[in-house]
C-alpha atoms as a PDB file:
ATOM      1  CA  MET A   1     192.177 -95.493 -85.589  1.00  0.00           C
ATOM      2  CA  LYS A   2     193.837 -92.155 -86.118  1.00  0.00           C
ATOM      3  CA  SER A   3     191.660 -89.062 -85.868  1.00  0.00           C
ATOM      4  CA  SER A   4     192.090 -88.366 -89.597  1.00  0.00           C
ATOM      5  CA  GLN A   5     190.898 -91.889 -90.391  1.00  0.00           C
ATOM      6  CA  GLN A   6     187.928 -91.479 -88.067  1.00  0.00           C
ATOM      7  CA  GLU A   7     187.081 -88.154 -89.721  1.00  0.00           C
ATOM      8  CA  LEU A   8     187.134 -89.775 -93.162  1.00  0.00           C
ATOM      9  CA  LEU A   9     184.926 -92.622 -91.944  1.00  0.00           C
ATOM     10  CA  ASN A  10     182.482 -90.105 -90.473  1.00  0.00           C
ATOM     11  CA  ARG A  11     182.365 -88.176 -93.770  1.00  0.00           C
ATOM     12  CA  ILE A  12     181.707 -91.377 -95.696  1.00  0.00           C
ATOM     13  CA  LEU A  13     178.996 -92.493 -93.262  1.00  0.00           C
ATOM     14  CA  GLY A  14     177.356 -89.070 -93.485  1.00  0.00           C
ATOM     15  CA  SER A  15     177.388 -89.051 -97.271  1.00  0.00           C
ATOM     16  CA  ARG A  16     174.300 -89.704 -99.351  1.00  0.00           C
ATOM     17  CA  TYR A  17     175.649 -93.164-100.095  1.00  0.00           C
ATOM     18  CA  PHE A  18     175.616 -94.349 -96.497  1.00  0.00           C
ATOM     19  CA  ALA A  19     173.360 -91.938 -94.598  1.00  0.00           C
ATOM     20  CA  HIS A  20     170.202 -93.951 -95.157  1.00  0.00           C
ATOM     21  CA  THR A  21     171.551 -97.475 -94.778  1.00  0.00           C
ATOM     22  CA  VAL A  22     172.292 -98.151 -91.142  1.00  0.00           C
ATOM     23  CA  THR A  23     173.312-101.762 -91.684  1.00  0.00           C
ATOM     24  CA  LEU A  24     175.933-101.093 -94.343  1.00  0.00           C
ATOM     25  CA  GLY A  25     177.277 -98.208 -92.276  1.00  0.00           C
ATOM     26  CA  ARG A  26     177.616-100.444 -89.238  1.00  0.00           C
ATOM     27  CA  ILE A  27     179.475-103.031 -91.292  1.00  0.00           C
ATOM     28  CA  LEU A  28     181.862-100.422 -92.717  1.00  0.00           C
ATOM     29  CA  SER A  29     182.485 -98.965 -89.263  1.00  0.00           C
ATOM     30  CA  TYR A  30     183.159-102.387 -87.764  1.00  0.00           C
ATOM     31  CA  VAL A  31     185.561-103.352 -90.525  1.00  0.00           C
ATOM     32  CA  CYS A  32     187.441-100.058 -90.304  1.00  0.00           C
ATOM     33  CA  GLU A  33     187.664-100.052 -86.525  1.00  0.00           C
ATOM     34  CA  ASN A  34     188.893-103.641 -86.407  1.00  0.00           C
ATOM     35  CA  THR A  35     191.371-103.654 -89.284  1.00  0.00           C
ATOM     36  CA  VAL A  36     192.896-100.188 -89.667  1.00  0.00           C
ATOM     37  CA  ASP A  37     196.399-100.112 -88.204  1.00  0.00           C
ATOM     38  CA  THR A  38     196.266-103.846 -87.423  1.00  0.00           C
ATOM     39  CA  GLN A  39     196.869-107.141 -89.148  1.00  0.00           C
ATOM     40  CA  ASN A  40     193.424-108.418 -88.114  1.00  0.00           C
ATOM     41  CA  ARG A  41     191.415-110.398 -90.623  1.00  0.00           C
ATOM     42  CA  ILE A  42     187.708-110.339 -89.998  1.00  0.00           C
ATOM     43  CA  LYS A  43     185.721-113.472 -90.711  1.00  0.00           C
ATOM     44  CA  GLU A  44     182.294-113.595 -92.298  1.00  0.00           C
ATOM     45  CA  TYR A  45     180.923-115.300 -89.179  1.00  0.00           C
ATOM     46  CA  GLU A  46     182.211-112.460 -86.989  1.00  0.00           C
ATOM     47  CA  ILE A  47     180.417-109.800 -89.053  1.00  0.00           C
ATOM     48  CA  ALA A  48     177.232-111.869 -89.076  1.00  0.00           C
ATOM     49  CA  THR A  49     177.135-112.431 -85.333  1.00  0.00           C
ATOM     50  CA  LYS A  50     178.621-109.193 -84.002  1.00  0.00           C
ATOM     51  CA  VAL A  51     177.340-106.636 -86.501  1.00  0.00           C
ATOM     52  CA  LEU A  52     174.268-108.189 -88.089  1.00  0.00           C
ATOM     53  CA  ARG A  53     173.236-109.881 -84.832  1.00  0.00           C
ATOM     54  CA  ARG A  54     172.755-113.292 -86.374  1.00  0.00           C
ATOM     55  CA  ASP A  55     172.431-116.255 -84.041  1.00  0.00           C
ATOM     56  CA  GLN A  56     175.537-118.245 -83.043  1.00  0.00           C
ATOM     57  CA  SER A  57     174.273-121.009 -85.327  1.00  0.00           C
ATOM     58  CA  PHE A  58     174.857-118.765 -88.367  1.00  0.00           C
ATOM     59  CA  ASP A  59     176.281-120.739 -91.274  1.00  0.00           C
ATOM     60  CA  PRO A  60     177.863-118.623 -94.029  1.00  0.00           C
ATOM     61  CA  LYS A  61     177.484-121.520 -96.456  1.00  0.00           C
ATOM     62  CA  LEU A  62     173.705-121.330 -96.086  1.00  0.00           C
ATOM     63  CA  ASP A  63     173.171-117.585 -95.646  1.00  0.00           C
ATOM     64  CA  PRO A  64     174.961-115.151 -97.989  1.00  0.00           C
ATOM     65  CA  VAL A  65     173.912-112.037 -96.029  1.00  0.00           C
ATOM     66  CA  VAL A  66     177.478-110.931 -95.274  1.00  0.00           C
ATOM     67  CA  ARG A  67     178.715-111.407 -98.843  1.00  0.00           C
ATOM     68  CA  VAL A  68     175.704-109.546-100.224  1.00  0.00           C
ATOM     69  CA  SER A  69     176.099-106.748 -97.675  1.00  0.00           C
ATOM     70  CA  MET A  70     179.821-106.380 -98.344  1.00  0.00           C
ATOM     71  CA  LYS A  71     179.069-106.094-102.052  1.00  0.00           C
ATOM     72  CA  GLY A  72     176.753-103.203-101.190  1.00  0.00           C
ATOM     73  CA  VAL A  73     179.447-101.564 -99.060  1.00  0.00           C
ATOM     74  CA  ARG A  74     182.001-101.856-101.884  1.00  0.00           C
ATOM     75  CA  GLU A  75     179.562-100.463-104.465  1.00  0.00           C
ATOM     76  CA  ARG A  76     178.677 -97.479-102.278  1.00  0.00           C
ATOM     77  CA  LEU A  77     182.331 -96.770-101.508  1.00  0.00           C
ATOM     78  CA  GLU A  78     183.104 -96.843-105.217  1.00  0.00           C
ATOM     79  CA  LYS A  79     180.293 -94.350-105.894  1.00  0.00           C
ATOM     80  CA  TYR A  80     181.464 -92.158-103.010  1.00  0.00           C
ATOM     81  CA  TYR A  81     184.996 -91.954-104.373  1.00  0.00           C
ATOM     82  CA  ASP A  82     183.824 -91.530-107.976  1.00  0.00           C
ATOM     83  CA  ASP A  83     181.713 -88.554-106.930  1.00  0.00           C
END
């Protein structure tokens, strides 16, 4: 990630929308660090096991935690940019 991108991520994470939600901040950081300037596509399973520390037996069909969390990330980003 470029320094300007890292600075923007840090500002977003320090904002009132992300400052008090460690989990959503970790997800946003992981996604940014692993997709910016690359063609990587992150899978739901990867976020669950690497970021949310779910067991290797995690089944995204049975547990919607990643989808629900990503919805929260998108909503907070929208509020951040609307502000």
